[in-house]
Amino acid sequence: MFAVQYDRFGGPEVLHLGTAEAPRPGAGQLRVRVRAAGVSPVDAGLRSGRTPMGVRLPLPHIPGVDAAGVVDEIGDGVAGVAVGDHVFGVLDVAKLGGGSAQFAVLPLWAHKPATMSWAQAGAAGSSVETATRALDLLGLQPGMTLLVDGAAGGVGSVAVQLAAARGIQVVGTARVGNHDFLRRLGATPVTYGPGLADRVDAAGTARVDRALDVAGAGSLPELLQLTGDPAAVVSLADFTAAAHGVRLSMGQLAGEPDGRHGLRAAAELSTEGRFTVPIEAAFPIRKAADAHAAAERGSRRGKIVMIVDDAPET
């Protein structure tokens, strides 16, 4: 198969199209002919070699943990899907990649609804799984108020919508230019940074029951001030969380229950017109380096995705 890969760590320029052995699905898995694959800041961090997990990767490596496509092979024990079905999902997180290719194997998946474009589906999987897992950890109940710090990005924008669908009142932090975007997703927007409690109060929010730190920008003291309880806060990105008594959710890599049930829920909400995957930019797979460069830039609104329509020259 053709695949985006890198055989040394570095900037986006180390990415190139090459050939690789096509994966085969194991028990409980299915293989898709990829139509779109998400690109996240995590992919860029692994490629750069800046993270401990990244430097342990065997090279060459195919990046990407999100993909959507057409089912072409089904592993043992998989029910409810047939060859030719359109699905989206998450690759094996332990392998830290493999989605930016002609074929990919999905252990976590759901049927792609017609209301979800290939680009949206290709970028959805890990954001939906991560947001679902975090919301479950927070023990949210209808009528509660949740603050999402970093609400305009790929995971944050998904968390806002999934929480609202659970009957949660959502306050989301973002730069001023993204406030209208958050309103459209169903959140009350406030600007992030020091003094957050005062801005939340000024926005008319009487209390904050739970808080989700998506940005990892050092906001945990403010989130603790708002909730009054470390158990009411979950971080997805701040590695100092334990020092504050806050849970840092690392998903399957830390042996936590996954949020796979969120994939089907998101598909159903999309069909109902209550969920979308915001796409900031889509690139052809030939422009993988540009896609990674876009994923590395800050202040993003939604997801970066690569479209895999035809076999490119390798």
C-alpha atoms as a PDB file:
ATOM      1  CA  MET A   1       0.000   0.000   0.000  1.00  0.00           C
ATOM      2  CA  PHE A   2       1.025   3.662  -0.168  1.00  0.00           C
ATOM      3  CA  ALA A   3       1.530   5.488   3.113  1.00  0.00           C
ATOM      4  CA  VAL A   4       2.796   8.736   4.581  1.00  0.00           C
ATOM      5  CA  GLN A   5       5.803   7.925   6.737  1.00  0.00           C
ATOM      6  CA  TYR A   6       9.026   9.206   8.211  1.00  0.00           C
ATOM      7  CA  ASP A   7      12.305   7.412   8.823  1.00  0.00           C
ATOM      8  CA  ARG A   8      13.880  10.095  10.996  1.00  0.00           C
ATOM      9  CA  PHE A   9      12.541  12.563  13.536  1.00  0.00           C
ATOM     10  CA  GLY A  10      12.215  16.235  12.687  1.00  0.00           C
ATOM     11  CA  GLY A  11       9.930  18.858  11.196  1.00  0.00           C
ATOM     12  CA  PRO A  12       7.113  18.270   8.719  1.00  0.00           C
ATOM     13  CA  GLU A  13       9.681  18.037   5.925  1.00  0.00           C
ATOM     14  CA  VAL A  14      10.708  14.528   7.086  1.00  0.00           C
ATOM     15  CA  LEU A  15       7.337  13.172   5.895  1.00  0.00           C
ATOM     16  CA  HIS A  16       7.226  11.433   2.539  1.00  0.00           C
ATOM     17  CA  LEU A  17       4.978   9.109   0.575  1.00  0.00           C
ATOM     18  CA  GLY A  18       6.300   5.594   0.308  1.00  0.00           C
ATOM     19  CA  THR A  19       5.188   1.993   0.286  1.00  0.00           C
ATOM     20  CA  ALA A  20       4.505  -0.212   3.280  1.00  0.00           C
ATOM     21  CA  GLU A  21       3.049  -3.617   3.984  1.00  0.00           C
ATOM     22  CA  ALA A  22      -0.735  -3.430   4.228  1.00  0.00           C
ATOM     23  CA  PRO A  23      -2.038  -4.297   7.717  1.00  0.00           C
ATOM     24  CA  ARG A  24      -4.421  -7.184   8.322  1.00  0.00           C
ATOM     25  CA  PRO A  25      -7.238  -7.097  10.886  1.00  0.00           C
ATOM     26  CA  GLY A  26      -7.054  -9.313  13.934  1.00  0.00           C
ATOM     27  CA  ALA A  27      -9.907 -10.609  16.069  1.00  0.00           C
ATOM     28  CA  GLY A  28     -12.391  -7.846  16.855  1.00  0.00           C
ATOM     29  CA  GLN A  29     -10.951  -5.522  14.202  1.00  0.00           C
ATOM     30  CA  LEU A  30     -11.802  -4.420  10.696  1.00  0.00           C
ATOM     31  CA  ARG A  31      -9.760  -2.959   7.858  1.00  0.00           C
ATOM     32  CA  VAL A  32     -10.784   0.024   5.758  1.00  0.00           C
ATOM     33  CA  ARG A  33      -9.677   1.519   2.482  1.00  0.00           C
ATOM     34  CA  VAL A  34      -8.984   4.950   3.954  1.00  0.00           C
ATOM     35  CA  ARG A  35     -10.888   7.934   2.571  1.00  0.00           C
ATOM     36  CA  ALA A  36      -9.766  10.489   5.183  1.00  0.00           C
ATOM     37  CA  ALA A  37      -7.320  10.536   8.093  1.00  0.00           C
ATOM     38  CA  GLY A  38      -7.078  13.019  10.940  1.00  0.00           C
ATOM     39  CA  VAL A  39      -3.896  14.872  11.874  1.00  0.00           C
ATOM     40  CA  SER A  40      -3.476  16.001  15.473  1.00  0.00           C
ATOM     41  CA  PRO A  41      -0.871  17.933  17.480  1.00  0.00           C
ATOM     42  CA  VAL A  42       0.006  14.571  19.067  1.00  0.00           C
ATOM     43  CA  ASP A  43       0.974  13.210  15.637  1.00  0.00           C
ATOM     44  CA  ALA A  44       3.224  16.221  15.115  1.00  0.00           C
ATOM     45  CA  GLY A  45       4.801  15.807  18.547  1.00  0.00           C
ATOM     46  CA  LEU A  46       5.583  12.155  17.908  1.00  0.00           C
ATOM     47  CA  ARG A  47       7.074  12.951  14.497  1.00  0.00           C
ATOM     48  CA  SER A  48       9.313  15.647  15.956  1.00  0.00           C
ATOM     49  CA  GLY A  49      10.804  13.272  18.535  1.00  0.00           C
ATOM     50  CA  ARG A  50       9.991  15.747  21.310  1.00  0.00           C
ATOM     51  CA  THR A  51       7.971  13.251  23.358  1.00  0.00           C
ATOM     52  CA  PRO A  52       9.317  10.183  25.200  1.00  0.00           C
ATOM     53  CA  MET A  53       6.765   7.963  23.427  1.00  0.00           C
ATOM     54  CA  GLY A  54       7.844   9.288  20.055  1.00  0.00           C
ATOM     55  CA  VAL A  55      11.525   8.499  20.381  1.00  0.00           C
ATOM     56  CA  ARG A  56      10.653   4.862  21.143  1.00  0.00           C
ATOM     57  CA  LEU A  57       8.789   4.390  17.872  1.00  0.00           C
ATOM     58  CA  PRO A  58      10.331   1.951  15.404  1.00  0.00           C
ATOM     59  CA  LEU A  59      11.151   3.712  12.142  1.00  0.00           C
ATOM     60  CA  PRO A  60       9.890   4.131   9.496  1.00  0.00           C
ATOM     61  CA  HIS A  61       6.612   5.121  11.122  1.00  0.00           C
ATOM     62  CA  ILE A  62       3.185   5.871   9.620  1.00  0.00           C
ATOM     63  CA  PRO A  63       1.454   8.615  11.646  1.00  0.00           C
ATOM     64  CA  GLY A  64      -2.230   9.037  12.419  1.00  0.00           C
ATOM     65  CA  VAL A  65      -4.625   7.439  14.920  1.00  0.00           C
ATOM     66  CA  ASP A  66      -7.874   8.547  13.222  1.00  0.00           C
ATOM     67  CA  ALA A  67      -9.314   7.251   9.966  1.00  0.00           C
ATOM     68  CA  ALA A  68     -12.547   6.753   8.052  1.00  0.00           C
ATOM     69  CA  GLY A  69     -13.107   4.599   5.023  1.00  0.00           C
ATOM     70  CA  VAL A  70     -14.794   1.701   3.300  1.00  0.00           C
ATOM     71  CA  VAL A  71     -14.623  -1.700   4.992  1.00  0.00           C
ATOM     72  CA  ASP A  72     -12.705  -4.208   2.856  1.00  0.00           C
ATOM     73  CA  GLU A  73     -11.762  -6.928   5.372  1.00  0.00           C
ATOM     74  CA  ILE A  74     -13.268  -8.068   8.665  1.00  0.00           C
ATOM     75  CA  GLY A  75     -11.541  -9.871  11.525  1.00  0.00           C
ATOM     76  CA  ASP A  76     -12.915 -12.786  13.547  1.00  0.00           C
ATOM     77  CA  GLY A  77     -15.662 -12.028  16.019  1.00  0.00           C
ATOM     78  CA  VAL A  78     -16.820  -8.772  14.422  1.00  0.00           C
ATOM     79  CA  ALA A  79     -20.579  -8.450  13.983  1.00  0.00           C
ATOM     80  CA  GLY A  80     -22.879  -5.749  12.674  1.00  0.00           C
ATOM     81  CA  VAL A  81     -20.716  -4.661   9.742  1.00  0.00           C
ATOM     82  CA  ALA A  82     -20.169  -5.836   6.171  1.00  0.00           C
ATOM     83  CA  VAL A  83     -17.593  -5.326   3.463  1.00  0.00           C
ATOM     84  CA  GLY A  84     -18.458  -2.088   1.675  1.00  0.00           C
ATOM     85  CA  ASP A  85     -19.830  -0.324   4.766  1.00  0.00           C
ATOM     86  CA  HIS A  86     -18.674   3.204   5.522  1.00  0.00           C
ATOM     87  CA  VAL A  87     -17.150   3.535   8.994  1.00  0.00           C
ATOM     88  CA  PHE A  88     -14.955   5.820  11.088  1.00  0.00           C
ATOM     89  CA  GLY A  89     -12.889   5.174  14.164  1.00  0.00           C
ATOM     90  CA  VAL A  90      -9.607   4.945  16.032  1.00  0.00           C
ATOM     91  CA  LEU A  91      -6.533   2.837  15.349  1.00  0.00           C
ATOM     92  CA  ASP A  92      -4.661   0.813  17.978  1.00  0.00           C
ATOM     93  CA  VAL A  93      -3.520   3.561  20.360  1.00  0.00           C
ATOM     94  CA  ALA A  94      -0.545   1.480  21.526  1.00  0.00           C
ATOM     95  CA  LYS A  95       0.905   1.654  17.991  1.00  0.00           C
ATOM     96  CA  LEU A  96       0.573   5.462  17.929  1.00  0.00           C
ATOM     97  CA  GLY A  97      -0.240   5.677  14.247  1.00  0.00           C
ATOM     98  CA  GLY A  98      -0.964   3.976  10.956  1.00  0.00           C
ATOM     99  CA  GLY A  99      -3.926   5.993   9.700  1.00  0.00           C
ATOM    100  CA  SER A 100      -2.216   8.141   7.064  1.00  0.00           C
ATOM    101  CA  ALA A 101      -2.193   5.344   4.524  1.00  0.00           C
ATOM    102  CA  GLN A 102      -4.154   3.496   1.857  1.00  0.00           C
ATOM    103  CA  PHE A 103      -5.399   0.909   4.373  1.00  0.00           C
ATOM    104  CA  ALA A 104      -5.859   1.050   8.142  1.00  0.00           C
ATOM    105  CA  VAL A 105      -7.113  -1.322  10.831  1.00  0.00           C
ATOM    106  CA  LEU A 106      -9.718  -0.064  13.314  1.00  0.00           C
ATOM    107  CA  PRO A 107     -10.363  -1.768  16.665  1.00  0.00           C
ATOM    108  CA  LEU A 108     -12.775   1.051  17.668  1.00  0.00           C
ATOM    109  CA  TRP A 109     -15.322   2.076  15.055  1.00  0.00           C
ATOM    110  CA  ALA A 110     -18.875   3.121  14.236  1.00  0.00           C
ATOM    111  CA  HIS A 111     -20.869   3.453  11.036  1.00  0.00           C
ATOM    112  CA  LYS A 112     -20.422   6.809   9.321  1.00  0.00           C
ATOM    113  CA  PRO A 113     -23.757   8.580   8.979  1.00  0.00           C
ATOM    114  CA  ALA A 114     -24.621  10.291   5.698  1.00  0.00           C
ATOM    115  CA  THR A 115     -24.692  13.605   7.580  1.00  0.00           C
ATOM    116  CA  MET A 116     -20.947  13.314   8.292  1.00  0.00           C
ATOM    117  CA  SER A 117     -18.555  14.069   5.426  1.00  0.00           C
ATOM    118  CA  TRP A 118     -15.500  11.902   4.866  1.00  0.00           C
ATOM    119  CA  ALA A 119     -13.320  14.730   6.164  1.00  0.00           C
ATOM    120  CA  GLN A 120     -15.370  15.043   9.354  1.00  0.00           C
ATOM    121  CA  ALA A 121     -15.468  11.290   9.877  1.00  0.00           C
ATOM    122  CA  GLY A 122     -11.743  10.904   9.282  1.00  0.00           C
ATOM    123  CA  ALA A 123     -10.979  13.486  11.946  1.00  0.00           C
ATOM    124  CA  ALA A 124     -13.592  12.412  14.488  1.00  0.00           C
ATOM    125  CA  GLY A 125     -12.470   9.178  16.126  1.00  0.00           C
ATOM    126  CA  SER A 126      -9.919   9.991  18.818  1.00  0.00           C
ATOM    127  CA  SER A 127     -11.520  13.357  19.666  1.00  0.00           C
ATOM    128  CA  VAL A 128     -14.871  11.664  20.254  1.00  0.00           C
ATOM    129  CA  GLU A 129     -13.294   8.810  22.227  1.00  0.00           C
ATOM    130  CA  THR A 130     -11.208  11.195  24.334  1.00  0.00           C
ATOM    131  CA  ALA A 131     -14.038  13.629  25.028  1.00  0.00           C
ATOM    132  CA  THR A 132     -16.423  10.797  25.919  1.00  0.00           C
ATOM    133  CA  ARG A 133     -13.898   9.229  28.283  1.00  0.00           C
ATOM    134  CA  ALA A 134     -13.289  12.551  30.033  1.00  0.00           C
ATOM    135  CA  LEU A 135     -16.996  13.348  30.394  1.00  0.00           C
ATOM    136  CA  ASP A 136     -17.578   9.878  31.859  1.00  0.00           C
ATOM    137  CA  LEU A 137     -14.768  10.400  34.383  1.00  0.00           C
ATOM    138  CA  LEU A 138     -16.338  13.664  35.508  1.00  0.00           C
ATOM    139  CA  GLY A 139     -19.582  11.931  36.470  1.00  0.00           C
ATOM    140  CA  LEU A 140     -21.738  14.574  34.829  1.00  0.00           C
ATOM    141  CA  GLN A 141     -25.467  14.703  35.477  1.00  0.00           C
ATOM    142  CA  PRO A 142     -28.123  16.686  33.579  1.00  0.00           C
ATOM    143  CA  GLY A 143     -28.379  20.228  34.881  1.00  0.00           C
ATOM    144  CA  MET A 144     -24.731  20.486  35.924  1.00  0.00           C
ATOM    145  CA  THR A 145     -22.438  23.191  34.592  1.00  0.00           C
ATOM    146  CA  LEU A 146     -19.163  22.155  32.931  1.00  0.00           C
ATOM    147  CA  LEU A 147     -16.296  24.472  32.053  1.00  0.00           C
ATOM    148  CA  VAL A 148     -14.161  23.319  29.116  1.00  0.00           C
ATOM    149  CA  ASP A 149     -10.808  25.094  29.033  1.00  0.00           C
ATOM    150  CA  GLY A 150      -9.600  25.057  25.428  1.00  0.00           C
ATOM    151  CA  ALA A 151     -13.070  24.612  23.942  1.00  0.00           C
ATOM    152  CA  ALA A 152     -12.397  25.662  20.341  1.00  0.00           C
ATOM    153  CA  GLY A 153      -9.839  22.992  19.433  1.00  0.00           C
ATOM    154  CA  GLY A 154     -10.398  19.508  18.077  1.00  0.00           C
ATOM    155  CA  VAL A 155     -11.190  17.756  21.363  1.00  0.00           C
ATOM    156  CA  GLY A 156     -12.700  20.773  23.087  1.00  0.00           C
ATOM    157  CA  SER A 157     -15.237  21.491  20.351  1.00  0.00           C
ATOM    158  CA  VAL A 158     -16.338  17.860  20.426  1.00  0.00           C
ATOM    159  CA  ALA A 159     -16.567  17.807  24.243  1.00  0.00           C
ATOM    160  CA  VAL A 160     -18.783  20.904  24.201  1.00  0.00           C
ATOM    161  CA  GLN A 161     -21.311  19.235  21.899  1.00  0.00           C
ATOM    162  CA  LEU A 162     -21.316  15.845  23.607  1.00  0.00           C
ATOM    163  CA  ALA A 163     -21.778  17.482  27.013  1.00  0.00           C
ATOM    164  CA  ALA A 164     -24.619  19.672  25.749  1.00  0.00           C
ATOM    165  CA  ALA A 165     -26.309  16.556  24.353  1.00  0.00           C
ATOM    166  CA  ARG A 166     -26.216  15.092  27.887  1.00  0.00           C
ATOM    167  CA  GLY A 167     -28.166  18.061  29.226  1.00  0.00           C
ATOM    168  CA  ILE A 168     -25.117  19.863  30.606  1.00  0.00           C
ATOM    169  CA  GLN A 169     -24.712  23.641  30.653  1.00  0.00           C
ATOM    170  CA  VAL A 170     -21.317  24.327  29.066  1.00  0.00           C
ATOM    171  CA  VAL A 171     -18.960  27.258  29.522  1.00  0.00           C
ATOM    172  CA  GLY A 172     -16.038  27.234  27.083  1.00  0.00           C
ATOM    173  CA  THR A 173     -12.804  29.212  27.116  1.00  0.00           C
ATOM    174  CA  ALA A 174     -11.254  30.498  23.892  1.00  0.00           C
ATOM    175  CA  ARG A 175      -9.753  33.625  22.401  1.00  0.00           C
ATOM    176  CA  VAL A 176     -12.282  36.318  21.546  1.00  0.00           C
ATOM    177  CA  GLY A 177     -12.195  35.495  17.835  1.00  0.00           C
ATOM    178  CA  ASN A 178     -13.644  32.046  18.593  1.00  0.00           C
ATOM    179  CA  HIS A 179     -16.495  33.149  20.861  1.00  0.00           C
ATOM    180  CA  ASP A 180     -19.164  33.139  18.142  1.00  0.00           C
ATOM    181  CA  PHE A 181     -17.926  29.698  17.086  1.00  0.00           C
ATOM    182  CA  LEU A 182     -18.454  28.398  20.638  1.00  0.00           C
ATOM    183  CA  ARG A 183     -21.929  29.922  20.817  1.00  0.00           C
ATOM    184  CA  ARG A 184     -22.872  28.000  17.681  1.00  0.00           C
ATOM    185  CA  LEU A 185     -21.684  24.789  19.336  1.00  0.00           C
ATOM    186  CA  GLY A 186     -23.856  25.464  22.384  1.00  0.00           C
ATOM    187  CA  ALA A 187     -21.386  26.914  24.900  1.00  0.00           C
ATOM    188  CA  THR A 188     -21.242  30.186  26.795  1.00  0.00           C
ATOM    189  CA  PRO A 189     -17.859  31.633  25.762  1.00  0.00           C
ATOM    190  CA  VAL A 190     -15.330  33.319  28.037  1.00  0.00           C
ATOM    191  CA  THR A 191     -11.736  34.335  27.406  1.00  0.00           C
ATOM    192  CA  TYR A 192      -9.079  32.034  28.828  1.00  0.00           C
ATOM    193  CA  GLY A 193      -6.229  33.064  31.148  1.00  0.00           C
ATOM    194  CA  PRO A 194      -5.749  34.474  34.663  1.00  0.00           C
ATOM    195  CA  GLY A 195      -8.846  36.004  36.229  1.00  0.00           C
ATOM    196  CA  LEU A 196     -11.051  33.290  34.745  1.00  0.00           C
ATOM    197  CA  ALA A 197     -13.337  33.087  37.784  1.00  0.00           C
ATOM    198  CA  ASP A 198     -14.279  36.759  37.479  1.00  0.00           C
ATOM    199  CA  ARG A 199     -15.063  36.397  33.767  1.00  0.00           C
ATOM    200  CA  VAL A 200     -17.163  33.297  34.376  1.00  0.00           C
ATOM    201  CA  ASP A 201     -19.122  35.199  37.018  1.00  0.00           C
ATOM    202  CA  ALA A 202     -19.560  38.165  34.675  1.00  0.00           C
ATOM    203  CA  ALA A 203     -20.938  35.796  32.019  1.00  0.00           C
ATOM    204  CA  GLY A 204     -23.810  34.998  34.376  1.00  0.00           C
ATOM    205  CA  THR A 205     -22.715  31.516  35.455  1.00  0.00           C
ATOM    206  CA  ALA A 206     -23.721  31.002  39.066  1.00  0.00           C
ATOM    207  CA  ARG A 207     -21.577  27.934  39.657  1.00  0.00           C
ATOM    208  CA  VAL A 208     -19.206  25.516  37.926  1.00  0.00           C
ATOM    209  CA  ASP A 209     -19.771  21.892  38.953  1.00  0.00           C
ATOM    210  CA  ARG A 210     -17.076  20.252  36.822  1.00  0.00           C
ATOM    211  CA  ALA A 211     -14.117  21.379  34.725  1.00  0.00           C
ATOM    212  CA  LEU A 212     -12.256  19.774  31.841  1.00  0.00           C
ATOM    213  CA  ASP A 213      -8.766  20.996  30.966  1.00  0.00           C
ATOM    214  CA  VAL A 214      -8.124  20.301  27.294  1.00  0.00           C
ATOM    215  CA  ALA A 215      -5.517  22.990  26.649  1.00  0.00           C
ATOM    216  CA  GLY A 216      -2.892  22.125  29.283  1.00  0.00           C
ATOM    217  CA  ALA A 217      -2.067  25.825  29.523  1.00  0.00           C
ATOM    218  CA  GLY A 218      -1.577  26.038  33.292  1.00  0.00           C
ATOM    219  CA  SER A 219      -5.201  26.761  34.191  1.00  0.00           C
ATOM    220  CA  LEU A 220      -5.605  24.132  36.908  1.00  0.00           C
ATOM    221  CA  PRO A 221      -5.396  26.620  39.826  1.00  0.00           C
ATOM    222  CA  GLU A 222      -8.227  28.656  38.256  1.00  0.00           C
ATOM    223  CA  LEU A 223     -10.287  25.520  37.583  1.00  0.00           C
ATOM    224  CA  LEU A 224      -9.842  24.415  41.197  1.00  0.00           C
ATOM    225  CA  GLN A 225     -10.920  27.855  42.355  1.00  0.00           C
ATOM    226  CA  LEU A 226     -14.073  27.582  40.269  1.00  0.00           C
ATOM    227  CA  THR A 227     -15.068  24.043  41.276  1.00  0.00           C
ATOM    228  CA  GLY A 228     -13.631  23.976  44.809  1.00  0.00           C
ATOM    229  CA  ASP A 229     -12.759  20.279  44.477  1.00  0.00           C
ATOM    230  CA  PRO A 230      -9.833  18.518  42.740  1.00  0.00           C
ATOM    231  CA  ALA A 231     -12.116  15.516  42.150  1.00  0.00           C
ATOM    232  CA  ALA A 232     -14.337  17.753  40.008  1.00  0.00           C
ATOM    233  CA  VAL A 233     -11.535  18.471  37.518  1.00  0.00           C
ATOM    234  CA  VAL A 234     -10.033  16.254  34.805  1.00  0.00           C
ATOM    235  CA  SER A 235      -7.072  17.245  32.633  1.00  0.00           C
ATOM    236  CA  LEU A 236      -6.187  15.789  29.263  1.00  0.00           C
ATOM    237  CA  ALA A 237      -2.987  17.731  28.759  1.00  0.00           C
ATOM    238  CA  ASP A 238      -1.390  19.073  31.969  1.00  0.00           C
ATOM    239  CA  PHE A 239       1.285  16.716  33.267  1.00  0.00           C
ATOM    240  CA  THR A 240       1.435  18.641  36.575  1.00  0.00           C
ATOM    241  CA  ALA A 241      -2.132  17.518  37.345  1.00  0.00           C
ATOM    242  CA  ALA A 242      -1.132  15.129  40.150  1.00  0.00           C
ATOM    243  CA  ALA A 243       0.585  17.958  42.023  1.00  0.00           C
ATOM    244  CA  HIS A 244      -2.822  19.683  42.157  1.00  0.00           C
ATOM    245  CA  GLY A 245      -4.687  16.512  43.138  1.00  0.00           C
ATOM    246  CA  VAL A 246      -6.321  16.442  39.700  1.00  0.00           C
ATOM    247  CA  ARG A 247      -6.782  13.373  37.501  1.00  0.00           C
ATOM    248  CA  LEU A 248      -4.813  13.266  34.255  1.00  0.00           C
ATOM    249  CA  SER A 249      -6.608  11.006  31.790  1.00  0.00           C
ATOM    250  CA  MET A 250      -4.297   9.110  29.420  1.00  0.00           C
ATOM    251  CA  GLY A 251      -6.828   6.593  28.120  1.00  0.00           C
ATOM    252  CA  GLN A 252      -5.861   3.107  27.055  1.00  0.00           C
ATOM    253  CA  LEU A 253      -2.159   3.908  27.451  1.00  0.00           C
ATOM    254  CA  ALA A 254      -2.847   4.191  31.190  1.00  0.00           C
ATOM    255  CA  GLY A 255      -5.231   1.227  31.350  1.00  0.00           C
ATOM    256  CA  GLU A 256      -8.364   3.376  31.603  1.00  0.00           C
ATOM    257  CA  PRO A 257     -11.729   2.322  30.159  1.00  0.00           C
ATOM    258  CA  ASP A 258     -12.058   3.747  26.658  1.00  0.00           C
ATOM    259  CA  GLY A 259     -14.823   5.952  25.339  1.00  0.00           C
ATOM    260  CA  ARG A 260     -15.698   3.769  22.343  1.00  0.00           C
ATOM    261  CA  HIS A 261     -19.421   4.081  23.040  1.00  0.00           C
ATOM    262  CA  GLY A 262     -19.104   7.766  22.194  1.00  0.00           C
ATOM    263  CA  LEU A 263     -18.472   6.961  18.520  1.00  0.00           C
ATOM    264  CA  ARG A 264     -21.938   5.536  18.001  1.00  0.00           C
ATOM    265  CA  ALA A 265     -23.495   8.298  20.109  1.00  0.00           C
ATOM    266  CA  ALA A 266     -21.766  10.962  17.989  1.00  0.00           C
ATOM    267  CA  ALA A 267     -22.985   9.287  14.798  1.00  0.00           C
ATOM    268  CA  GLU A 268     -26.565   9.293  16.099  1.00  0.00           C
ATOM    269  CA  LEU A 269     -26.313  12.942  17.165  1.00  0.00           C
ATOM    270  CA  SER A 270     -24.943  13.834  13.728  1.00  0.00           C
ATOM    271  CA  THR A 271     -27.968  12.190  12.109  1.00  0.00           C
ATOM    272  CA  GLU A 272     -30.181  14.286  14.378  1.00  0.00           C
ATOM    273  CA  GLY A 273     -28.338  17.472  13.411  1.00  0.00           C
ATOM    274  CA  ARG A 274     -26.924  17.937  16.917  1.00  0.00           C
ATOM    275  CA  PHE A 275     -23.258  17.149  16.306  1.00  0.00           C
ATOM    276  CA  THR A 276     -20.598  18.186  13.842  1.00  0.00           C
ATOM    277  CA  VAL A 277     -16.839  17.828  13.591  1.00  0.00           C
ATOM    278  CA  PRO A 278     -15.435  21.298  12.898  1.00  0.00           C
ATOM    279  CA  ILE A 279     -12.752  21.123  10.198  1.00  0.00           C
ATOM    280  CA  GLU A 280     -10.206  23.918  10.102  1.00  0.00           C
ATOM    281  CA  ALA A 281      -8.402  22.657   7.014  1.00  0.00           C
ATOM    282  CA  ALA A 282      -8.282  19.616   4.718  1.00  0.00           C
ATOM    283  CA  PHE A 283      -5.241  18.604   2.658  1.00  0.00           C
ATOM    284  CA  PRO A 284      -4.668  15.953   0.000  1.00  0.00           C
ATOM    285  CA  ILE A 285      -2.424  13.169   1.236  1.00  0.00           C
ATOM    286  CA  ARG A 286       0.328  14.461  -1.075  1.00  0.00           C
ATOM    287  CA  LYS A 287       0.428  17.549   1.184  1.00  0.00           C
ATOM    288  CA  ALA A 288       1.043  15.645   4.426  1.00  0.00           C
ATOM    289  CA  ALA A 289       3.822  18.027   5.455  1.00  0.00           C
ATOM    290  CA  ASP A 290       1.454  20.991   5.127  1.00  0.00           C
ATOM    291  CA  ALA A 291      -1.176  19.157   7.166  1.00  0.00           C
ATOM    292  CA  HIS A 292       1.312  18.511   9.976  1.00  0.00           C
ATOM    293  CA  ALA A 293       2.492  22.119   9.901  1.00  0.00           C
ATOM    294  CA  ALA A 294      -1.126  23.274  10.269  1.00  0.00           C
ATOM    295  CA  ALA A 295      -1.684  20.887  13.185  1.00  0.00           C
ATOM    296  CA  GLU A 296       1.330  22.361  14.981  1.00  0.00           C
ATOM    297  CA  ARG A 297       0.040  25.915  14.849  1.00  0.00           C
ATOM    298  CA  GLY A 298      -1.737  27.277  17.915  1.00  0.00           C
ATOM    299  CA  SER A 299      -5.206  28.822  18.263  1.00  0.00           C
ATOM    300  CA  ARG A 300      -6.796  26.263  15.984  1.00  0.00           C
ATOM    301  CA  ARG A 301     -10.538  25.981  15.463  1.00  0.00           C
ATOM    302  CA  GLY A 302     -11.474  22.340  14.956  1.00  0.00           C
ATOM    303  CA  LYS A 303      -9.530  19.582  13.221  1.00  0.00           C
ATOM    304  CA  ILE A 304      -6.932  19.105  10.500  1.00  0.00           C
ATOM    305  CA  VAL A 305      -7.536  16.220   8.080  1.00  0.00           C
ATOM    306  CA  MET A 306      -5.967  14.570   5.030  1.00  0.00           C
ATOM    307  CA  ILE A 307      -8.131  13.328   2.159  1.00  0.00           C
ATOM    308  CA  VAL A 308      -7.131   9.981   0.642  1.00  0.00           C
ATOM    309  CA  ASP A 309      -9.149   9.810  -2.598  1.00  0.00           C
ATOM    310  CA  ASP A 310      -6.792   8.226  -5.121  1.00  0.00           C
ATOM    311  CA  ALA A 311      -3.506   6.379  -5.006  1.00  0.00           C
ATOM    312  CA  PRO A 312      -0.797   9.023  -5.362  1.00  0.00           C
ATOM    313  CA  GLU A 313       2.520   8.530  -7.046  1.00  0.00           C
ATOM    314  CA  THR A 314       5.063   7.223  -4.530  1.00  0.00           C
END
